[in-house]
Protein backbone atom coordinates (compact mmCIF):
# COMPACT_ATOMS: atom_id res chain seq x y z
CA MET A 1 123.61 150.72 80.85
CA THR A 2 124.57 151.13 84.45
CA GLY A 3 122.26 150.21 87.31
CA LYS A 4 121.17 152.24 90.25
CA TYR A 5 123.15 150.13 92.75
CA ASP A 6 126.22 149.23 90.72
CA ASP A 7 128.47 150.99 93.21
CA ILE A 8 127.41 148.75 96.15
CA ILE A 9 126.07 145.55 94.61
CA ASN A 10 129.35 143.64 94.92
CA LEU A 11 130.38 144.89 98.36
CA SER A 12 130.44 142.40 101.23
CA ARG A 13 127.74 142.61 103.87
CA PRO A 14 128.80 144.71 106.86
CA ILE A 15 129.36 142.76 110.08
CA SER A 16 128.41 144.39 113.36
CA LYS A 17 130.93 144.58 116.17
CA ASN A 18 128.08 144.94 118.73
CA HIS A 19 125.65 142.17 117.68
CA LYS A 20 126.26 138.52 116.83
CA GLN A 21 125.15 137.33 113.43
CA MET A 22 121.60 135.93 113.31
CA SER A 23 120.92 132.39 112.19
CA VAL A 24 118.79 131.83 109.10
CA TYR A 25 115.94 130.73 111.43
CA GLU A 26 116.16 133.95 113.49
CA ARG A 27 116.22 136.07 110.34
CA SER A 28 113.22 134.26 108.85
CA ALA A 29 111.24 134.70 112.08
CA GLN A 30 111.23 138.45 111.44
CA PHE A 31 109.05 137.82 108.41
CA ALA A 32 106.65 135.31 110.00
CA PRO A 33 102.94 136.19 109.79
CA PHE A 34 101.74 138.43 112.55
CA ALA A 35 98.41 137.48 114.17
CA ALA A 36 97.10 140.94 114.92
CA LEU A 37 93.58 139.63 115.55
CA THR A 38 93.92 137.08 118.32
CA GLY A 39 91.16 134.47 118.05
CA TYR A 40 90.14 135.54 114.55
CA ASP A 41 90.95 132.13 113.00
CA GLU A 42 88.97 130.36 115.72
CA SER A 43 86.00 132.66 115.14
CA ILE A 44 86.06 131.99 111.40
CA ASN A 45 86.28 128.23 111.97
CA GLU A 46 83.40 128.35 114.47
CA ALA A 47 81.23 130.35 112.08
CA GLY A 48 81.79 127.74 109.37
CA ARG A 49 81.10 124.75 111.62
CA LYS A 50 77.89 122.99 110.62
CA VAL A 51 75.23 121.93 113.09
CA ASP A 52 71.98 120.02 112.55
CA LEU A 53 68.61 121.58 113.20
CA ARG A 54 66.33 119.82 115.64
CA VAL A 55 63.55 117.89 113.88
CA GLU A 56 60.07 117.97 115.41
CA LEU A 57 58.68 114.46 115.79
CA GLY A 58 55.18 113.52 114.74
CA TYR A 59 52.58 112.13 117.13
CA ASP A 60 53.04 108.53 115.91
CA LYS A 61 56.81 108.62 116.49
CA ILE A 62 56.35 110.11 119.97
CA GLU A 63 53.91 107.30 120.82
CA GLU A 64 56.35 104.68 119.50
CA ILE A 65 59.17 106.08 121.66
CA SER A 66 56.84 106.21 124.67
CA ARG A 67 55.89 102.52 124.20
CA SER A 68 59.56 101.53 123.91
CA LEU A 69 60.43 103.45 127.08
CA SER A 70 57.57 101.72 128.89
CA ILE A 71 58.84 98.28 127.82
CA ILE A 72 62.37 99.21 128.90
CA ASP A 73 61.04 100.39 132.27
CA GLN A 74 59.14 97.11 132.77
CA ASN A 75 62.33 95.16 132.05
CA ILE A 76 64.87 97.48 133.68
CA ALA A 77 66.04 94.78 136.12
CA SER A 78 67.59 92.90 133.19
CA HIS A 79 69.19 96.12 131.88
CA PRO A 80 68.01 95.69 128.29
CA ALA A 81 70.38 96.54 125.46
CA ILE A 82 69.08 99.41 123.38
CA LYS A 83 70.03 101.43 120.34
CA ILE A 84 69.11 105.05 120.88
CA THR A 85 69.33 108.11 118.66
CA TYR A 86 69.07 111.45 120.38
CA PHE A 87 69.64 115.13 119.75
CA LYS A 88 72.48 116.81 121.62
CA LYS A 89 72.21 120.60 121.70
CA ASP A 90 75.33 122.52 120.69
CA LYS A 91 76.84 124.67 123.45
CA LEU A 92 77.80 127.54 121.13
CA LYS A 93 75.29 127.63 118.28
CA ASP A 94 71.61 127.09 117.62
CA GLY A 95 71.16 123.48 116.62
CA GLY A 96 73.26 120.48 117.55
CA GLU A 97 73.96 116.94 116.41
CA TYR A 98 72.23 113.60 116.30
CA ILE A 99 74.03 110.82 118.13
CA THR A 100 73.29 107.09 117.89
CA ILE A 101 74.69 104.67 120.46
CA SER A 102 74.04 101.08 121.51
CA GLU A 103 74.21 100.53 125.25
CA ARG A 104 72.41 98.92 128.18
CA ALA A 105 69.72 100.87 130.00
CA LYS A 106 70.50 101.35 133.67
CA LYS A 107 67.47 103.27 134.89
CA ILE A 108 64.39 105.16 133.79
CA ASP A 109 64.17 108.37 135.82
CA SER A 110 60.49 109.32 135.70
CA GLN A 111 60.98 112.49 137.77
CA ARG A 112 63.66 113.91 135.49
CA LYS A 113 62.04 112.36 132.41
CA SER A 114 65.26 110.74 131.26
CA ILE A 115 66.87 107.39 130.61
CA ILE A 116 70.22 106.62 132.22
CA LEU A 117 72.64 104.33 130.42
CA PHE A 118 75.53 102.30 131.82
CA VAL A 119 78.06 104.55 130.08
CA GLY A 120 76.80 107.35 132.31
CA ASN A 121 74.74 109.23 129.74
CA SER A 122 71.48 110.69 130.93
CA ILE A 123 69.25 111.36 127.94
CA SER A 124 66.12 113.44 128.24
CA PHE A 125 62.98 111.83 126.83
CA GLU A 126 62.37 114.94 124.72
CA ASP A 127 65.79 114.55 123.02
CA ILE A 128 65.13 110.96 121.88
CA VAL A 129 64.28 110.64 118.19
CA ASP A 130 64.50 106.84 117.92
CA ILE A 131 64.91 103.95 120.33
CA ASN A 132 65.05 100.21 119.68
CA ILE A 133 65.29 97.36 122.13
CA LEU A 134 67.99 94.98 120.91
CA LEU A 135 67.39 91.24 121.06
CA ASN A 136 69.87 88.72 122.47
CA ASN A 137 70.69 90.72 125.58
């Protein structure tokens, strides 16, 4: 049985007199995936990124945080070491993440209702979900 291309299958590949021969890399680049939808991969990744929902605190927890902030304010001159957990709102999606850090308190800003830490963070009172004053400053 003879094949459809038997007459040309064993011929050598023609070589152009006008164009230099491409390297294997250049030839393979012709078949590389084409990103017709610029930003599509980023959009898919963003849609799949998980964020936490903000938890509403109960009255008792709010009072506990308020008492801790008052103690910190009374002792601010000694810059007490604290462990604080707060909610940081996501810039792109509804929700955010909970962050826990241990740091020294620098200032309580009553006007802005926030605590300022030595690392430069300014955390709004309403974002705080837990705060502990660490012993052995």
